[in-house]
Amino acid sequence: MVLVPSLFEPCGLSQMIAMRYGALPVVRETGGLRDSVIPYNKYTGEGTGFSFANFNAHELLYTVKEALRIYREDRGAWNTLVGSAMAADFSWNASALSYMALYRELLAPEDGK
């Protein structure tokens, strides 16, 4: 795990580097941290890390304890999270493809016209 409880973070690289190497991030939902880490969803099993909303020690501690609980009690879910985190693509190629898809959508003719 890597803790990134930033008050303000326009982008952040530490969580992306950690994810690439299989360390799950615990981040505060701000700026680029919110954009790059998909919070664990206990109902679907999806996610690439853990997050908390408010900048305070109580939420950080709660989220760390929840992450540790998953690690200790549900190793299958933890391993799925690690795999998803390691597979996350933050490359320029992925960004370019996302922009191209957005531009195509914006430039597509409206239905019925």
C-alpha atoms as a PDB file:
ATOM      1  CA  MET A   1       0.000   0.000   0.000  1.00  0.00           C
ATOM      2  CA  VAL A   2       0.990   3.586  -0.558  1.00  0.00           C
ATOM      3  CA  LEU A   3      -0.685   6.450   1.318  1.00  0.00           C
ATOM      4  CA  VAL A   4      -1.315   9.683  -0.585  1.00  0.00           C
ATOM      5  CA  PRO A   5      -3.553  11.780   1.716  1.00  0.00           C
ATOM      6  CA  SER A   6      -2.937  15.052  -0.134  1.00  0.00           C
ATOM      7  CA  LEU A   7      -4.916  18.174   0.649  1.00  0.00           C
ATOM      8  CA  PHE A   8      -4.306  19.320  -2.941  1.00  0.00           C
ATOM      9  CA  GLU A   9      -2.852  17.284  -5.819  1.00  0.00           C
ATOM     10  CA  PRO A  10      -3.217  18.511  -9.407  1.00  0.00           C
ATOM     11  CA  CYS A  11      -1.925  15.241 -10.851  1.00  0.00           C
ATOM     12  CA  GLY A  12       0.291  13.054  -8.711  1.00  0.00           C
ATOM     13  CA  LEU A  13       2.621  10.384  -9.991  1.00  0.00           C
ATOM     14  CA  SER A  14       3.264   8.382  -6.835  1.00  0.00           C
ATOM     15  CA  GLN A  15      -0.085   6.583  -6.987  1.00  0.00           C
ATOM     16  CA  MET A  16       0.445   5.708 -10.675  1.00  0.00           C
ATOM     17  CA  ILE A  17       3.945   4.364 -10.029  1.00  0.00           C
ATOM     18  CA  ALA A  18       2.692   2.392  -7.022  1.00  0.00           C
ATOM     19  CA  MET A  19      -0.145   0.881  -9.057  1.00  0.00           C
ATOM     20  CA  ARG A  20       2.237  -0.142 -11.853  1.00  0.00           C
ATOM     21  CA  TYR A  21       4.254  -2.165  -9.334  1.00  0.00           C
ATOM     22  CA  GLY A  22       1.277  -3.664  -7.492  1.00  0.00           C
ATOM     23  CA  ALA A  23       1.060  -1.417  -4.426  1.00  0.00           C
ATOM     24  CA  LEU A  24      -2.523  -0.322  -3.913  1.00  0.00           C
ATOM     25  CA  PRO A  25      -2.958   3.398  -3.242  1.00  0.00           C
ATOM     26  CA  VAL A  26      -5.005   4.912  -0.436  1.00  0.00           C
ATOM     27  CA  VAL A  27      -5.748   8.429  -1.648  1.00  0.00           C
ATOM     28  CA  ARG A  28      -7.811  11.436  -0.746  1.00  0.00           C
ATOM     29  CA  GLU A  29     -10.365  12.223  -3.450  1.00  0.00           C
ATOM     30  CA  THR A  30      -8.799  15.371  -4.878  1.00  0.00           C
ATOM     31  CA  GLY A  31      -7.487  16.437  -8.276  1.00  0.00           C
ATOM     32  CA  GLY A  32      -5.548  13.840 -10.193  1.00  0.00           C
ATOM     33  CA  LEU A  33      -5.806  11.321  -7.371  1.00  0.00           C
ATOM     34  CA  ARG A  34      -9.564  11.182  -7.879  1.00  0.00           C
ATOM     35  CA  ASP A  35      -9.028  10.887 -11.642  1.00  0.00           C
ATOM     36  CA  SER A  36      -6.475   8.077 -11.531  1.00  0.00           C
ATOM     37  CA  VAL A  37      -7.609   5.798  -8.684  1.00  0.00           C
ATOM     38  CA  ILE A  38     -10.902   3.926  -8.973  1.00  0.00           C
ATOM     39  CA  PRO A  39     -12.136   3.308  -5.407  1.00  0.00           C
ATOM     40  CA  TYR A  40     -12.717  -0.306  -4.391  1.00  0.00           C
ATOM     41  CA  ASN A  41     -16.386  -1.268  -4.664  1.00  0.00           C
ATOM     42  CA  LYS A  42     -17.170  -4.102  -2.255  1.00  0.00           C
ATOM     43  CA  TYR A  43     -20.317  -5.027  -4.200  1.00  0.00           C
ATOM     44  CA  THR A  44     -18.747  -5.406  -7.645  1.00  0.00           C
ATOM     45  CA  GLY A  45     -15.138  -6.059  -6.641  1.00  0.00           C
ATOM     46  CA  GLU A  46     -13.997  -3.367  -9.062  1.00  0.00           C
ATOM     47  CA  GLY A  47     -11.383  -0.745  -8.339  1.00  0.00           C
ATOM     48  CA  THR A  48      -7.697   0.060  -8.399  1.00  0.00           C
ATOM     49  CA  GLY A  49      -7.244   1.307  -4.828  1.00  0.00           C
ATOM     50  CA  PHE A  50      -8.977   2.957  -1.899  1.00  0.00           C
ATOM     51  CA  SER A  51     -10.085   6.544  -1.343  1.00  0.00           C
ATOM     52  CA  PHE A  52     -11.625   8.871   1.207  1.00  0.00           C
ATOM     53  CA  ALA A  53     -13.366  12.203   0.714  1.00  0.00           C
ATOM     54  CA  ASN A  54     -12.536  14.550   3.581  1.00  0.00           C
ATOM     55  CA  PHE A  55      -9.111  15.740   4.674  1.00  0.00           C
ATOM     56  CA  ASN A  56      -8.999  14.380   8.213  1.00  0.00           C
ATOM     57  CA  ALA A  57      -7.212  11.679  10.163  1.00  0.00           C
ATOM     58  CA  HIS A  58     -10.388   9.751  10.992  1.00  0.00           C
ATOM     59  CA  GLU A  59     -11.305   9.077   7.361  1.00  0.00           C
ATOM     60  CA  LEU A  60      -7.712   8.225   6.487  1.00  0.00           C
ATOM     61  CA  LEU A  61      -7.514   5.746   9.371  1.00  0.00           C
ATOM     62  CA  TYR A  62     -10.895   4.205   8.522  1.00  0.00           C
ATOM     63  CA  THR A  63      -9.862   3.728   4.888  1.00  0.00           C
ATOM     64  CA  VAL A  64      -6.489   2.216   5.797  1.00  0.00           C
ATOM     65  CA  LYS A  65      -8.208  -0.187   8.204  1.00  0.00           C
ATOM     66  CA  GLU A  66     -10.704  -1.161   5.491  1.00  0.00           C
ATOM     67  CA  ALA A  67      -7.867  -1.809   3.044  1.00  0.00           C
ATOM     68  CA  LEU A  68      -6.065  -3.943   5.633  1.00  0.00           C
ATOM     69  CA  ARG A  69      -9.271  -5.860   6.317  1.00  0.00           C
ATOM     70  CA  ILE A  70      -9.603  -6.710   2.625  1.00  0.00           C
ATOM     71  CA  TYR A  71      -5.936  -7.749   2.538  1.00  0.00           C
ATOM     72  CA  ARG A  72      -6.302 -10.020   5.568  1.00  0.00           C
ATOM     73  CA  GLU A  73      -9.792 -11.437   5.021  1.00  0.00           C
ATOM     74  CA  ASP A  74     -10.388 -11.505   1.257  1.00  0.00           C
ATOM     75  CA  ARG A  75      -7.139 -12.234  -0.526  1.00  0.00           C
ATOM     76  CA  GLY A  76      -9.022 -12.976  -3.759  1.00  0.00           C
ATOM     77  CA  ALA A  77     -10.498  -9.465  -3.825  1.00  0.00           C
ATOM     78  CA  TRP A  78      -7.104  -7.993  -2.943  1.00  0.00           C
ATOM     79  CA  ASN A  79      -5.393  -9.872  -5.781  1.00  0.00           C
ATOM     80  CA  THR A  80      -8.084  -8.720  -8.217  1.00  0.00           C
ATOM     81  CA  LEU A  81      -7.493  -5.122  -7.119  1.00  0.00           C
ATOM     82  CA  VAL A  82      -3.737  -5.513  -7.569  1.00  0.00           C
ATOM     83  CA  GLY A  83      -4.248  -6.938 -11.065  1.00  0.00           C
ATOM     84  CA  SER A  84      -6.568  -4.084 -12.018  1.00  0.00           C
ATOM     85  CA  ALA A  85      -4.177  -1.494 -10.616  1.00  0.00           C
ATOM     86  CA  MET A  86      -1.220  -2.969 -12.489  1.00  0.00           C
ATOM     87  CA  ALA A  87      -3.223  -3.059 -15.729  1.00  0.00           C
ATOM     88  CA  ALA A  88      -4.236   0.619 -15.534  1.00  0.00           C
ATOM     89  CA  ASP A  89      -2.919   2.467 -18.585  1.00  0.00           C
ATOM     90  CA  PHE A  90      -1.772   6.027 -17.972  1.00  0.00           C
ATOM     91  CA  SER A  91       0.252   6.248 -21.184  1.00  0.00           C
ATOM     92  CA  TRP A  92       0.082   9.114 -23.664  1.00  0.00           C
ATOM     93  CA  ASN A  93      -1.292   6.625 -26.181  1.00  0.00           C
ATOM     94  CA  ALA A  94      -4.288   5.903 -23.943  1.00  0.00           C
ATOM     95  CA  SER A  95      -4.853   9.630 -23.394  1.00  0.00           C
ATOM     96  CA  ALA A  96      -4.672  10.319 -27.131  1.00  0.00           C
ATOM     97  CA  LEU A  97      -7.176   7.555 -27.887  1.00  0.00           C
ATOM     98  CA  SER A  98      -9.577   8.982 -25.281  1.00  0.00           C
ATOM     99  CA  TYR A  99      -9.318  12.452 -26.817  1.00  0.00           C
ATOM    100  CA  MET A 100      -9.873  11.056 -30.315  1.00  0.00           C
ATOM    101  CA  ALA A 101     -13.008   9.235 -29.157  1.00  0.00           C
ATOM    102  CA  LEU A 102     -14.299  12.415 -27.515  1.00  0.00           C
ATOM    103  CA  TYR A 103     -13.663  14.499 -30.652  1.00  0.00           C
ATOM    104  CA  ARG A 104     -15.396  11.893 -32.837  1.00  0.00           C
ATOM    105  CA  GLU A 105     -18.417  11.990 -30.537  1.00  0.00           C
ATOM    106  CA  LEU A 106     -18.523  15.787 -30.568  1.00  0.00           C
ATOM    107  CA  LEU A 107     -18.172  15.990 -34.349  1.00  0.00           C
ATOM    108  CA  ALA A 108     -20.653  13.214 -35.157  1.00  0.00           C
ATOM    109  CA  PRO A 109     -23.837  14.331 -36.884  1.00  0.00           C
ATOM    110  CA  GLU A 110     -26.846  14.605 -34.616  1.00  0.00           C
ATOM    111  CA  ASP A 111     -29.439  11.839 -34.943  1.00  0.00           C
ATOM    112  CA  GLY A 112     -32.188  12.649 -37.417  1.00  0.00           C
ATOM    113  CA  LYS A 113     -30.329  15.470 -39.167  1.00  0.00           C
END
